[in-house]
Amino acid sequence: MKHPVDVYVGKRVRQRRWMVGMTQQQLAEKVGIKFQQIQKYETGMNRVSASRLWDIAASLGVSVSFFFDGLGDGATTEVQTTTAVPGDILADKEALELIRSYYSIPENQRRRLFELARVLSDAS
């Protein structure tokens, strides 16, 4: 049976991998494992060891704590699986691609696009 923390950490690995535009194969090569193992981590099927999580964090350019952000204060033993990411928007690959594209736009144009999006969202 999958532990909710393992599922949560796996989702955070996938989200970060998507954010940086890395494939499972590329991450696996950086960490020194097979891509199938990355698949198992991302689904929570396999638990990620501390040393492996350290390597994954370094490969993805984040601290180890990134994978636990949003779990709560640690005082409870039950994990809130419904609060993975605010609104779980980052679980959507399309949203991550949009964010990546947005930040590749030059800043002055990005600000205008942001204002346009704000106006359009107020109109609906």
PDB file of N, CA and C in Angstrom:
ATOM      1  N   MET A   1       0.838  -1.179   0.000  1.00  0.00           N
ATOM      2  CA  MET A   1       0.000   0.000   0.000  1.00  0.00           C
ATOM      3  C   MET A   1       0.887   1.248   0.000  1.00  0.00           C
ATOM      4  N   LYS A   2       0.523   2.206  -0.839  1.00  0.00           N
ATOM      5  CA  LYS A   2       1.293   3.440  -0.934  1.00  0.00           C
ATOM      6  C   LYS A   2       1.068   4.302   0.304  1.00  0.00           C
ATOM      7  N   HIS A   3       2.130   4.867   0.817  1.00  0.00           N
ATOM      8  CA  HIS A   3       2.013   5.806   1.933  1.00  0.00           C
ATOM      9  C   HIS A   3       1.754   7.193   1.341  1.00  0.00           C
ATOM     10  N   PRO A   4       0.823   7.963   1.900  1.00  0.00           N
ATOM     11  CA  PRO A   4       0.497   9.288   1.354  1.00  0.00           C
ATOM     12  C   PRO A   4       1.706  10.223   1.238  1.00  0.00           C
ATOM     13  N   VAL A   5       2.660  10.127   2.134  1.00  0.00           N
ATOM     14  CA  VAL A   5       3.847  10.988   2.042  1.00  0.00           C
ATOM     15  C   VAL A   5       4.675  10.610   0.817  1.00  0.00           C
ATOM     16  N   ASP A   6       4.795   9.313   0.529  1.00  0.00           N
ATOM     17  CA  ASP A   6       5.544   8.879  -0.646  1.00  0.00           C
ATOM     18  C   ASP A   6       4.872   9.371  -1.929  1.00  0.00           C
ATOM     19  N   VAL A   7       3.557   9.326  -1.959  1.00  0.00           N
ATOM     20  CA  VAL A   7       2.802   9.819  -3.119  1.00  0.00           C
ATOM     21  C   VAL A   7       3.027  11.320  -3.270  1.00  0.00           C
ATOM     22  N   TYR A   8       2.957  12.051  -2.166  1.00  0.00           N
ATOM     23  CA  TYR A   8       3.136  13.498  -2.177  1.00  0.00           C
ATOM     24  C   TYR A   8       4.532  13.875  -2.668  1.00  0.00           C
ATOM     25  N   VAL A   9       5.550  13.224  -2.126  1.00  0.00           N
ATOM     26  CA  VAL A   9       6.926  13.502  -2.531  1.00  0.00           C
ATOM     27  C   VAL A   9       7.100  13.188  -4.018  1.00  0.00           C
ATOM     28  N   GLY A  10       6.532  12.096  -4.467  1.00  0.00           N
ATOM     29  CA  GLY A  10       6.609  11.741  -5.885  1.00  0.00           C
ATOM     30  C   GLY A  10       5.972  12.780  -6.781  1.00  0.00           C
ATOM     31  N   LYS A  11       4.831  13.314  -6.355  1.00  0.00           N
ATOM     32  CA  LYS A  11       4.182  14.379  -7.129  1.00  0.00           C
ATOM     33  C   LYS A  11       5.058  15.612  -7.209  1.00  0.00           C
ATOM     34  N   ARG A  12       5.711  15.927  -6.096  1.00  0.00           N
ATOM     35  CA  ARG A  12       6.586  17.101  -6.076  1.00  0.00           C
ATOM     36  C   ARG A  12       7.812  16.882  -6.973  1.00  0.00           C
ATOM     37  N   VAL A  13       8.324  15.653  -7.036  1.00  0.00           N
ATOM     38  CA  VAL A  13       9.435  15.346  -7.944  1.00  0.00           C
ATOM     39  C   VAL A  13       8.975  15.586  -9.379  1.00  0.00           C
ATOM     40  N   ARG A  14       7.810  15.046  -9.741  1.00  0.00           N
ATOM     41  CA  ARG A  14       7.285  15.205 -11.101  1.00  0.00           C
ATOM     42  C   ARG A  14       7.051  16.672 -11.430  1.00  0.00           C
ATOM     43  N   GLN A  15       6.452  17.411 -10.503  1.00  0.00           N
ATOM     44  CA  GLN A  15       6.174  18.828 -10.751  1.00  0.00           C
ATOM     45  C   GLN A  15       7.459  19.604 -11.013  1.00  0.00           C
ATOM     46  N   ARG A  16       8.463  19.373 -10.190  1.00  0.00           N
ATOM     47  CA  ARG A  16       9.717  20.092 -10.366  1.00  0.00           C
ATOM     48  C   ARG A  16      10.403  19.679 -11.662  1.00  0.00           C
ATOM     49  N   ARG A  17      10.342  18.394 -11.981  1.00  0.00           N
ATOM     50  CA  ARG A  17      10.960  17.903 -13.225  1.00  0.00           C
ATOM     51  C   ARG A  17      10.311  18.579 -14.421  1.00  0.00           C
ATOM     52  N   TRP A  18       8.982  18.674 -14.407  1.00  0.00           N
ATOM     53  CA  TRP A  18       8.266  19.361 -15.485  1.00  0.00           C
ATOM     54  C   TRP A  18       8.639  20.840 -15.539  1.00  0.00           C
ATOM     55  N   MET A  19       8.740  21.464 -14.367  1.00  0.00           N
ATOM     56  CA  MET A  19       9.054  22.891 -14.307  1.00  0.00           C
ATOM     57  C   MET A  19      10.402  23.199 -14.956  1.00  0.00           C
ATOM     58  N   VAL A  20      11.360  22.340 -14.780  1.00  0.00           N
ATOM     59  CA  VAL A  20      12.682  22.593 -15.355  1.00  0.00           C
ATOM     60  C   VAL A  20      12.809  21.997 -16.764  1.00  0.00           C
ATOM     61  N   GLY A  21      11.751  21.352 -17.238  1.00  0.00           N
ATOM     62  CA  GLY A  21      11.750  20.811 -18.595  1.00  0.00           C
ATOM     63  C   GLY A  21      12.629  19.594 -18.785  1.00  0.00           C
ATOM     64  N   MET A  22      12.678  18.749 -17.777  1.00  0.00           N
ATOM     65  CA  MET A  22      13.521  17.563 -17.816  1.00  0.00           C
ATOM     66  C   MET A  22      12.655  16.317 -17.990  1.00  0.00           C
ATOM     67  N   THR A  23      13.139  15.373 -18.767  1.00  0.00           N
ATOM     68  CA  THR A  23      12.422  14.109 -18.932  1.00  0.00           C
ATOM     69  C   THR A  23      12.798  13.168 -17.792  1.00  0.00           C
ATOM     70  N   GLN A  24      12.022  12.102 -17.652  1.00  0.00           N
ATOM     71  CA  GLN A  24      12.355  11.089 -16.657  1.00  0.00           C
ATOM     72  C   GLN A  24      13.711  10.472 -16.972  1.00  0.00           C
ATOM     73  N   GLN A  25      13.981  10.271 -18.245  1.00  0.00           N
ATOM     74  CA  GLN A  25      15.258   9.688 -18.668  1.00  0.00           C
ATOM     75  C   GLN A  25      16.418  10.591 -18.280  1.00  0.00           C
ATOM     76  N   GLN A  26      16.276  11.895 -18.513  1.00  0.00           N
ATOM     77  CA  GLN A  26      17.345  12.829 -18.175  1.00  0.00           C
ATOM     78  C   GLN A  26      17.605  12.866 -16.666  1.00  0.00           C
ATOM     79  N   LEU A  27      16.532  12.886 -15.880  1.00  0.00           N
ATOM     80  CA  LEU A  27      16.695  12.890 -14.432  1.00  0.00           C
ATOM     81  C   LEU A  27      17.354  11.596 -13.966  1.00  0.00           C
ATOM     82  N   ALA A  28      16.904  10.487 -14.520  1.00  0.00           N
ATOM     83  CA  ALA A  28      17.478   9.190 -14.144  1.00  0.00           C
ATOM     84  C   ALA A  28      18.975   9.150 -14.436  1.00  0.00           C
ATOM     85  N   GLU A  29      19.379   9.668 -15.588  1.00  0.00           N
ATOM     86  CA  GLU A  29      20.799   9.677 -15.940  1.00  0.00           C
ATOM     87  C   GLU A  29      21.602  10.534 -14.968  1.00  0.00           C
ATOM     88  N   LYS A  30      21.052  11.684 -14.575  1.00  0.00           N
ATOM     89  CA  LYS A  30      21.756  12.558 -13.632  1.00  0.00           C
ATOM     90  C   LYS A  30      21.922  11.897 -12.266  1.00  0.00           C
ATOM     91  N   VAL A  31      20.903  11.118 -11.883  1.00  0.00           N
ATOM     92  CA  VAL A  31      20.909  10.490 -10.566  1.00  0.00           C
ATOM     93  C   VAL A  31      21.631   9.141 -10.598  1.00  0.00           C
ATOM     94  N   GLY A  32      21.762   8.558 -11.792  1.00  0.00           N
ATOM     95  CA  GLY A  32      22.462   7.289 -11.924  1.00  0.00           C
ATOM     96  C   GLY A  32      21.578   6.068 -11.732  1.00  0.00           C
ATOM     97  N   ILE A  33      20.318   6.178 -12.157  1.00  0.00           N
ATOM     98  CA  ILE A  33      19.378   5.060 -12.060  1.00  0.00           C
ATOM     99  C   ILE A  33      18.623   4.920 -13.377  1.00  0.00           C
ATOM    100  N   LYS A  34      17.766   3.932 -13.472  1.00  0.00           N
ATOM    101  CA  LYS A  34      16.935   3.729 -14.656  1.00  0.00           C
ATOM    102  C   LYS A  34      15.697   4.628 -14.574  1.00  0.00           C
ATOM    103  N   PHE A  35      15.177   5.029 -15.751  1.00  0.00           N
ATOM    104  CA  PHE A  35      14.016   5.917 -15.754  1.00  0.00           C
ATOM    105  C   PHE A  35      12.781   5.254 -15.148  1.00  0.00           C
ATOM    106  N   GLN A  36      12.726   3.923 -15.200  1.00  0.00           N
ATOM    107  CA  GLN A  36      11.589   3.224 -14.599  1.00  0.00           C
ATOM    108  C   GLN A  36      11.525   3.475 -13.094  1.00  0.00           C
ATOM    109  N   GLN A  37      12.700   3.637 -12.478  1.00  0.00           N
ATOM    110  CA  GLN A  37      12.728   3.913 -11.049  1.00  0.00           C
ATOM    111  C   GLN A  37      12.167   5.305 -10.766  1.00  0.00           C
ATOM    112  N   ILE A  38      12.458   6.258 -11.645  1.00  0.00           N
ATOM    113  CA  ILE A  38      11.887   7.604 -11.500  1.00  0.00           C
ATOM    114  C   ILE A  38      10.369   7.513 -11.601  1.00  0.00           C
ATOM    115  N   GLN A  39       9.873   6.709 -12.541  1.00  0.00           N
ATOM    116  CA  GLN A  39       8.419   6.510 -12.672  1.00  0.00           C
ATOM    117  C   GLN A  39       7.828   6.000 -11.370  1.00  0.00           C
ATOM    118  N   LYS A  40       8.477   5.041 -10.763  1.00  0.00           N
ATOM    119  CA  LYS A  40       7.974   4.457  -9.523  1.00  0.00           C
ATOM    120  C   LYS A  40       8.007   5.469  -8.383  1.00  0.00           C
ATOM    121  N   TYR A  41       9.049   6.298  -8.336  1.00  0.00           N
ATOM    122  CA  TYR A  41       9.098   7.350  -7.321  1.00  0.00           C
ATOM    123  C   TYR A  41       7.958   8.346  -7.518  1.00  0.00           C
ATOM    124  N   GLU A  42       7.758   8.747  -8.767  1.00  0.00           N
ATOM    125  CA  GLU A  42       6.756   9.772  -9.057  1.00  0.00           C
ATOM    126  C   GLU A  42       5.330   9.319  -8.768  1.00  0.00           C
ATOM    127  N   THR A  43       5.076   8.047  -8.842  1.00  0.00           N
ATOM    128  CA  THR A  43       3.737   7.536  -8.528  1.00  0.00           C
ATOM    129  C   THR A  43       3.595   7.174  -7.059  1.00  0.00           C
ATOM    130  N   GLY A  44       4.702   7.188  -6.342  1.00  0.00           N
ATOM    131  CA  GLY A  44       4.666   6.784  -4.939  1.00  0.00           C
ATOM    132  C   GLY A  44       4.706   5.289  -4.755  1.00  0.00           C
ATOM    133  N   MET A  45       4.880   4.565  -5.843  1.00  0.00           N
ATOM    134  CA  MET A  45       4.946   3.109  -5.773  1.00  0.00           C
ATOM    135  C   MET A  45       6.174   2.663  -4.979  1.00  0.00           C
ATOM    136  N   ASN A  46       7.296   3.355  -5.200  1.00  0.00           N
ATOM    137  CA  ASN A  46       8.513   3.089  -4.443  1.00  0.00           C
ATOM    138  C   ASN A  46       8.850   4.296  -3.587  1.00  0.00           C
ATOM    139  N   ARG A  47       9.320   4.043  -2.399  1.00  0.00           N
ATOM    140  CA  ARG A  47       9.750   5.093  -1.477  1.00  0.00           C
ATOM    141  C   ARG A  47      11.147   5.569  -1.873  1.00  0.00           C
ATOM    142  N   VAL A  48      11.368   6.882  -1.831  1.00  0.00           N
ATOM    143  CA  VAL A  48      12.661   7.462  -2.168  1.00  0.00           C
ATOM    144  C   VAL A  48      13.527   7.508  -0.906  1.00  0.00           C
ATOM    145  N   SER A  49      14.710   6.929  -0.969  1.00  0.00           N
ATOM    146  CA  SER A  49      15.607   6.983   0.188  1.00  0.00           C
ATOM    147  C   SER A  49      16.128   8.411   0.358  1.00  0.00           C
ATOM    148  N   ALA A  50      16.647   8.693   1.537  1.00  0.00           N
ATOM    149  CA  ALA A  50      17.155  10.030   1.839  1.00  0.00           C
ATOM    150  C   ALA A  50      18.297  10.413   0.900  1.00  0.00           C
ATOM    151  N   SER A  51      19.217   9.509   0.674  1.00  0.00           N
ATOM    152  CA  SER A  51      20.358   9.832  -0.193  1.00  0.00           C
ATOM    153  C   SER A  51      19.911  10.026  -1.641  1.00  0.00           C
ATOM    154  N   ARG A  52      18.953   9.232  -2.082  1.00  0.00           N
ATOM    155  CA  ARG A  52      18.447   9.379  -3.450  1.00  0.00           C
ATOM    156  C   ARG A  52      17.682  10.694  -3.588  1.00  0.00           C
ATOM    157  N   LEU A  53      16.904  11.060  -2.567  1.00  0.00           N
ATOM    158  CA  LEU A  53      16.163  12.323  -2.603  1.00  0.00           C
ATOM    159  C   LEU A  53      17.145  13.497  -2.639  1.00  0.00           C
ATOM    160  N   TRP A  54      18.256  13.350  -1.931  1.00  0.00           N
ATOM    161  CA  TRP A  54      19.303  14.368  -1.951  1.00  0.00           C
ATOM    162  C   TRP A  54      19.840  14.547  -3.371  1.00  0.00           C
ATOM    163  N   ASP A  55      20.099  13.438  -4.059  1.00  0.00           N
ATOM    164  CA  ASP A  55      20.606  13.480  -5.436  1.00  0.00           C
ATOM    165  C   ASP A  55      19.568  14.073  -6.385  1.00  0.00           C
ATOM    166  N   ILE A  56      18.308  13.704  -6.204  1.00  0.00           N
ATOM    167  CA  ILE A  56      17.234  14.220  -7.055  1.00  0.00           C
ATOM    168  C   ILE A  56      17.097  15.729  -6.849  1.00  0.00           C
ATOM    169  N   ALA A  57      17.139  16.163  -5.601  1.00  0.00           N
ATOM    170  CA  ALA A  57      17.033  17.596  -5.301  1.00  0.00           C
ATOM    171  C   ALA A  57      18.169  18.367  -5.972  1.00  0.00           C
ATOM    172  N   ALA A  58      19.384  17.854  -5.859  1.00  0.00           N
ATOM    173  CA  ALA A  58      20.530  18.522  -6.480  1.00  0.00           C
ATOM    174  C   ALA A  58      20.370  18.580  -7.996  1.00  0.00           C
ATOM    175  N   SER A  59      19.885  17.504  -8.594  1.00  0.00           N
ATOM    176  CA  SER A  59      19.701  17.445 -10.042  1.00  0.00           C
ATOM    177  C   SER A  59      18.615  18.405 -10.516  1.00  0.00           C
ATOM    178  N   LEU A  60      17.622  18.640  -9.673  1.00  0.00           N
ATOM    179  CA  LEU A  60      16.505  19.516 -10.033  1.00  0.00           C
ATOM    180  C   LEU A  60      16.681  20.947  -9.521  1.00  0.00           C
ATOM    181  N   GLY A  61      17.783  21.193  -8.827  1.00  0.00           N
ATOM    182  CA  GLY A  61      18.091  22.544  -8.383  1.00  0.00           C
ATOM    183  C   GLY A  61      17.225  23.076  -7.256  1.00  0.00           C
ATOM    184  N   VAL A  62      16.826  22.197  -6.342  1.00  0.00           N
ATOM    185  CA  VAL A  62      16.034  22.612  -5.180  1.00  0.00           C
ATOM    186  C   VAL A  62      16.616  21.965  -3.930  1.00  0.00           C
ATOM    187  N   SER A  63      16.167  22.454  -2.772  1.00  0.00           N
ATOM    188  CA  SER A  63      16.566  21.808  -1.528  1.00  0.00           C
ATOM    189  C   SER A  63      15.662  20.607  -1.285  1.00  0.00           C
ATOM    190  N   VAL A  64      16.097  19.704  -0.450  1.00  0.00           N
ATOM    191  CA  VAL A  64      15.303  18.519  -0.123  1.00  0.00           C
ATOM    192  C   VAL A  64      13.954  18.922   0.468  1.00  0.00           C
ATOM    193  N   SER A  65      13.928  20.017   1.212  1.00  0.00           N
ATOM    194  CA  SER A  65      12.680  20.459   1.847  1.00  0.00           C
ATOM    195  C   SER A  65      11.597  20.807   0.830  1.00  0.00           C
ATOM    196  N   PHE A  66      11.988  21.128  -0.408  1.00  0.00           N
ATOM    197  CA  PHE A  66      11.015  21.428  -1.461  1.00  0.00           C
ATOM    198  C   PHE A  66       9.986  20.306  -1.598  1.00  0.00           C
ATOM    199  N   PHE A  67      10.442  19.084  -1.483  1.00  0.00           N
ATOM    200  CA  PHE A  67       9.571  17.936  -1.713  1.00  0.00           C
ATOM    201  C   PHE A  67       8.557  17.731  -0.591  1.00  0.00           C
ATOM    202  N   PHE A  68       8.756  18.411   0.530  1.00  0.00           N
ATOM    203  CA  PHE A  68       7.851  18.283   1.670  1.00  0.00           C
ATOM    204  C   PHE A  68       7.027  19.541   1.913  1.00  0.00           C
ATOM    205  N   ASP A  69       7.320  20.614   1.157  1.00  0.00           N
ATOM    206  CA  ASP A  69       6.567  21.854   1.324  1.00  0.00           C
ATOM    207  C   ASP A  69       5.078  21.598   1.131  1.00  0.00           C
ATOM    208  N   GLY A  70       4.286  22.105   2.051  1.00  0.00           N
ATOM    209  CA  GLY A  70       2.839  21.957   1.961  1.00  0.00           C
ATOM    210  C   GLY A  70       2.283  20.786   2.739  1.00  0.00           C
ATOM    211  N   LEU A  71       3.139  19.993   3.352  1.00  0.00           N
ATOM    212  CA  LEU A  71       2.656  18.850   4.119  1.00  0.00           C
ATOM    213  C   LEU A  71       2.107  19.245   5.482  1.00  0.00           C
ATOM    214  N   GLY A  72       2.423  20.414   5.955  1.00  0.00           N
ATOM    215  CA  GLY A  72       1.962  20.833   7.270  1.00  0.00           C
ATOM    216  C   GLY A  72       3.109  20.966   8.235  1.00  0.00           C
ATOM    217  N   ASP A  73       2.792  21.124   9.496  1.00  0.00           N
ATOM    218  CA  ASP A  73       3.820  21.393  10.494  1.00  0.00           C
ATOM    219  C   ASP A  73       4.498  20.141  11.023  1.00  0.00           C
ATOM    220  N   GLY A  74       4.084  18.971  10.585  1.00  0.00           N
ATOM    221  CA  GLY A  74       4.707  17.734  11.031  1.00  0.00           C
ATOM    222  C   GLY A  74       4.203  17.251  12.374  1.00  0.00           C
ATOM    223  N   ALA A  75       3.298  18.002  12.995  1.00  0.00           N
ATOM    224  CA  ALA A  75       2.797  17.617  14.313  1.00  0.00           C
ATOM    225  C   ALA A  75       1.794  16.477  14.221  1.00  0.00           C
ATOM    226  N   THR A  76       1.182  16.318  13.051  1.00  0.00           N
ATOM    227  CA  THR A  76       0.201  15.251  12.900  1.00  0.00           C
ATOM    228  C   THR A  76       0.805  14.107  12.118  1.00  0.00           C
ATOM    229  N   THR A  77       0.312  12.931  12.356  1.00  0.00           N
ATOM    230  CA  THR A  77       0.823  11.764  11.641  1.00  0.00           C
ATOM    231  C   THR A  77       0.042  11.509  10.363  1.00  0.00           C
ATOM    232  N   GLU A  78      -1.118  12.122  10.238  1.00  0.00           N
ATOM    233  CA  GLU A  78      -1.930  11.938   9.040  1.00  0.00           C
ATOM    234  C   GLU A  78      -1.621  13.036   8.042  1.00  0.00           C
ATOM    235  N   VAL A  79      -1.389  12.687   6.797  1.00  0.00           N
ATOM    236  CA  VAL A  79      -1.023  13.645   5.768  1.00  0.00           C
ATOM    237  C   VAL A  79      -2.267  14.119   5.038  1.00  0.00           C
ATOM    238  N   GLN A  80      -2.316  15.414   4.812  1.00  0.00           N
ATOM    239  CA  GLN A  80      -3.401  15.991   4.036  1.00  0.00           C
ATOM    240  C   GLN A  80      -3.063  15.806   2.558  1.00  0.00           C
ATOM    241  N   THR A  81      -3.583  14.787   1.922  1.00  0.00           N
ATOM    242  CA  THR A  81      -3.225  14.508   0.535  1.00  0.00           C
ATOM    243  C   THR A  81      -3.933  15.436  -0.435  1.00  0.00           C
ATOM    244  N   THR A  82      -4.943  16.134   0.002  1.00  0.00           N
ATOM    245  CA  THR A  82      -5.666  17.014  -0.909  1.00  0.00           C
ATOM    246  C   THR A  82      -5.027  18.388  -1.018  1.00  0.00           C
ATOM    247  N   THR A  83      -4.002  18.671  -0.244  1.00  0.00           N
ATOM    248  CA  THR A  83      -3.378  19.988  -0.287  1.00  0.00           C
ATOM    249  C   THR A  83      -1.988  19.925  -0.893  1.00  0.00           C
ATOM    250  N   ALA A  84      -1.812  19.101  -1.907  1.00  0.00           N
ATOM    251  CA  ALA A  84      -0.491  18.917  -2.499  1.00  0.00           C
ATOM    252  C   ALA A  84       0.153  20.236  -2.918  1.00  0.00           C
ATOM    253  N   VAL A  85      -0.556  21.023  -3.651  1.00  0.00           N
ATOM    254  CA  VAL A  85      -0.096  22.332  -4.081  1.00  0.00           C
ATOM    255  C   VAL A  85      -1.340  23.194  -4.127  1.00  0.00           C
ATOM    256  N   PRO A  86      -1.234  24.494  -3.829  1.00  0.00           N
ATOM    257  CA  PRO A  86      -2.438  25.326  -3.835  1.00  0.00           C
ATOM    258  C   PRO A  86      -3.299  25.071  -5.059  1.00  0.00           C
ATOM    259  N   GLY A  87      -4.493  24.555  -4.849  1.00  0.00           N
ATOM    260  CA  GLY A  87      -5.407  24.251  -5.939  1.00  0.00           C
ATOM    261  C   GLY A  87      -4.943  23.110  -6.819  1.00  0.00           C
ATOM    262  N   ASP A  88      -3.815  22.504  -6.492  1.00  0.00           N
ATOM    263  CA  ASP A  88      -3.225  21.423  -7.276  1.00  0.00           C
ATOM    264  C   ASP A  88      -2.997  21.820  -8.719  1.00  0.00           C
ATOM    265  N   ILE A  89      -2.852  23.130  -8.976  1.00  0.00           N
ATOM    266  CA  ILE A  89      -2.648  23.629 -10.337  1.00  0.00           C
ATOM    267  C   ILE A  89      -1.337  23.129 -10.927  1.00  0.00           C
ATOM    268  N   LEU A  90      -0.331  22.954 -10.087  1.00  0.00           N
ATOM    269  CA  LEU A  90       0.955  22.518 -10.609  1.00  0.00           C
ATOM    270  C   LEU A  90       0.994  21.027 -10.924  1.00  0.00           C
ATOM    271  N   ALA A  91      -0.081  20.321 -10.658  1.00  0.00           N
ATOM    272  CA  ALA A  91      -0.160  18.916 -11.040  1.00  0.00           C
ATOM    273  C   ALA A  91      -0.531  18.782 -12.517  1.00  0.00           C
ATOM    274  N   ASP A  92      -0.926  19.893 -13.131  1.00  0.00           N
ATOM    275  CA  ASP A  92      -1.350  19.901 -14.527  1.00  0.00           C
ATOM    276  C   ASP A  92      -0.155  20.232 -15.425  1.00  0.00           C
ATOM    277  N   LYS A  93       0.190  19.337 -16.317  1.00  0.00           N
ATOM    278  CA  LYS A  93       1.353  19.531 -17.183  1.00  0.00           C
ATOM    279  C   LYS A  93       1.186  20.768 -18.060  1.00  0.00           C
ATOM    280  N   GLU A  94      -0.012  21.020 -18.532  1.00  0.00           N
ATOM    281  CA  GLU A  94      -0.256  22.195 -19.366  1.00  0.00           C
ATOM    282  C   GLU A  94       0.019  23.485 -18.595  1.00  0.00           C
ATOM    283  N   ALA A  95      -0.397  23.530 -17.322  1.00  0.00           N
ATOM    284  CA  ALA A  95      -0.146  24.715 -16.498  1.00  0.00           C
ATOM    285  C   ALA A  95       1.349  24.925 -16.300  1.00  0.00           C
ATOM    286  N   LEU A  96       2.088  23.847 -16.104  1.00  0.00           N
ATOM    287  CA  LEU A  96       3.533  23.966 -15.930  1.00  0.00           C
ATOM    288  C   LEU A  96       4.211  24.453 -17.207  1.00  0.00           C
ATOM    289  N   GLU A  97       3.746  23.970 -18.351  1.00  0.00           N
ATOM    290  CA  GLU A  97       4.309  24.423 -19.621  1.00  0.00           C
ATOM    291  C   GLU A  97       4.003  25.903 -19.836  1.00  0.00           C
ATOM    292  N   LEU A  98       2.798  26.320 -19.449  1.00  0.00           N
ATOM    293  CA  LEU A  98       2.419  27.726 -19.561  1.00  0.00           C
ATOM    294  C   LEU A  98       3.318  28.596 -18.689  1.00  0.00           C
ATOM    295  N   ILE A  99       3.568  28.164 -17.463  1.00  0.00           N
ATOM    296  CA  ILE A  99       4.429  28.915 -16.552  1.00  0.00           C
ATOM    297  C   ILE A  99       5.847  29.000 -17.107  1.00  0.00           C
ATOM    298  N   ARG A 100       6.362  27.900 -17.608  1.00  0.00           N
ATOM    299  CA  ARG A 100       7.710  27.890 -18.175  1.00  0.00           C
ATOM    300  C   ARG A 100       7.793  28.843 -19.367  1.00  0.00           C
ATOM    301  N   SER A 101       6.789  28.801 -20.232  1.00  0.00           N
ATOM    302  CA  SER A 101       6.762  29.691 -21.393  1.00  0.00           C
ATOM    303  C   SER A 101       6.651  31.147 -20.968  1.00  0.00           C
ATOM    304  N   TYR A 102       5.804  31.399 -19.989  1.00  0.00           N
ATOM    305  CA  TYR A 102       5.586  32.756 -19.487  1.00  0.00           C
ATOM    306  C   TYR A 102       6.904  33.376 -19.025  1.00  0.00           C
ATOM    307  N   TYR A 103       7.694  32.636 -18.276  1.00  0.00           N
ATOM    308  CA  TYR A 103       8.940  33.175 -17.757  1.00  0.00           C
ATOM    309  C   TYR A 103      10.054  33.242 -18.792  1.00  0.00           C
ATOM    310  N   SER A 104       9.837  32.678 -19.960  1.00  0.00           N
ATOM    311  CA  SER A 104      10.837  32.814 -21.016  1.00  0.00           C
ATOM    312  C   SER A 104      10.602  34.074 -21.852  1.00  0.00           C
ATOM    313  N   ILE A 105       9.476  34.755 -21.625  1.00  0.00           N
ATOM    314  CA  ILE A 105       9.152  36.001 -22.330  1.00  0.00           C
ATOM    315  C   ILE A 105       9.931  37.143 -21.664  1.00  0.00           C
ATOM    316  N   PRO A 106      10.481  38.077 -22.460  1.00  0.00           N
ATOM    317  CA  PRO A 106      11.173  39.227 -21.862  1.00  0.00           C
ATOM    318  C   PRO A 106      10.266  39.966 -20.871  1.00  0.00           C
ATOM    319  N   GLU A 107      10.871  40.502 -19.812  1.00  0.00           N
ATOM    320  CA  GLU A 107      10.105  41.047 -18.685  1.00  0.00           C
ATOM    321  C   GLU A 107       9.095  42.118 -19.084  1.00  0.00           C
ATOM    322  N   ASN A 108       9.467  43.068 -19.940  1.00  0.00           N
ATOM    323  CA  ASN A 108       8.511  44.125 -20.288  1.00  0.00           C
ATOM    324  C   ASN A 108       7.291  43.560 -21.018  1.00  0.00           C
ATOM    325  N   GLN A 109       7.503  42.602 -21.905  1.00  0.00           N
ATOM    326  CA  GLN A 109       6.385  41.962 -22.595  1.00  0.00           C
ATOM    327  C   GLN A 109       5.587  41.079 -21.645  1.00  0.00           C
ATOM    328  N   ARG A 110       6.297  40.430 -20.730  1.00  0.00           N
ATOM    329  CA  ARG A 110       5.622  39.572 -19.750  1.00  0.00           C
ATOM    330  C   ARG A 110       4.679  40.388 -18.879  1.00  0.00           C
ATOM    331  N   ARG A 111       5.079  41.575 -18.470  1.00  0.00           N
ATOM    332  CA  ARG A 111       4.211  42.432 -17.651  1.00  0.00           C
ATOM    333  C   ARG A 111       2.948  42.812 -18.409  1.00  0.00           C
ATOM    334  N   ARG A 112       3.090  43.116 -19.702  1.00  0.00           N
ATOM    335  CA  ARG A 112       1.908  43.456 -20.514  1.00  0.00           C
ATOM    336  C   ARG A 112       0.988  42.249 -20.667  1.00  0.00           C
ATOM    337  N   LEU A 113       1.579  41.089 -20.862  1.00  0.00           N
ATOM    338  CA  LEU A 113       0.778  39.869 -20.961  1.00  0.00           C
ATOM    339  C   LEU A 113       0.036  39.602 -19.660  1.00  0.00           C
ATOM    340  N   PHE A 114       0.719  39.819 -18.534  1.00  0.00           N
ATOM    341  CA  PHE A 114       0.106  39.641 -17.225  1.00  0.00           C
ATOM    342  C   PHE A 114      -1.098  40.568 -17.062  1.00  0.00           C
ATOM    343  N   GLU A 115      -0.939  41.827 -17.434  1.00  0.00           N
ATOM    344  CA  GLU A 115      -2.050  42.789 -17.330  1.00  0.00           C
ATOM    345  C   GLU A 115      -3.208  42.390 -18.234  1.00  0.00           C
ATOM    346  N   LEU A 116      -2.894  41.906 -19.433  1.00  0.00           N
ATOM    347  CA  LEU A 116      -3.945  41.434 -20.339  1.00  0.00           C
ATOM    348  C   LEU A 116      -4.698  40.263 -19.731  1.00  0.00           C
ATOM    349  N   ALA A 117      -3.963  39.311 -19.165  1.00  0.00           N
ATOM    350  CA  ALA A 117      -4.602  38.156 -18.533  1.00  0.00           C
ATOM    351  C   ALA A 117      -5.485  38.588 -17.376  1.00  0.00           C
ATOM    352  N   ARG A 118      -5.034  39.538 -16.590  1.00  0.00           N
ATOM    353  CA  ARG A 118      -5.817  40.053 -15.470  1.00  0.00           C
ATOM    354  C   ARG A 118      -7.107  40.689 -15.957  1.00  0.00           C
ATOM    355  N   VAL A 119      -7.027  41.494 -17.017  1.00  0.00           N
ATOM    356  CA  VAL A 119      -8.229  42.140 -17.584  1.00  0.00           C
ATOM    357  C   VAL A 119      -9.193  41.084 -18.109  1.00  0.00           C
ATOM    358  N   LEU A 120      -8.666  40.105 -18.835  1.00  0.00           N
ATOM    359  CA  LEU A 120      -9.520  39.057 -19.400  1.00  0.00           C
ATOM    360  C   LEU A 120     -10.191  38.229 -18.309  1.00  0.00           C
ATOM    361  N   SER A 121      -9.475  37.958 -17.223  1.00  0.00           N
ATOM    362  CA  SER A 121     -10.064  37.151 -16.157  1.00  0.00           C
ATOM    363  C   SER A 121     -11.125  37.943 -15.409  1.00  0.00           C
ATOM    364  N   ASP A 122     -10.973  39.261 -15.311  1.00  0.00           N
ATOM    365  CA  ASP A 122     -12.003  40.101 -14.677  1.00  0.00           C
ATOM    366  C   ASP A 122     -13.254  40.188 -15.541  1.00  0.00           C
ATOM    367  N   ALA A 123     -13.085  40.054 -16.862  1.00  0.00           N
ATOM    368  CA  ALA A 123     -14.218  40.161 -17.775  1.00  0.00           C
ATOM    369  C   ALA A 123     -15.111  38.935 -17.737  1.00  0.00           C
ATOM    370  N   SER A 124     -14.582  37.816 -17.292  1.00  0.00           N
ATOM    371  CA  SER A 124     -15.390  36.587 -17.324  1.00  0.00           C
ATOM    372  C   SER A 124     -16.269  36.425 -16.121  1.00  0.00           C
TER     373      SER A 124
END
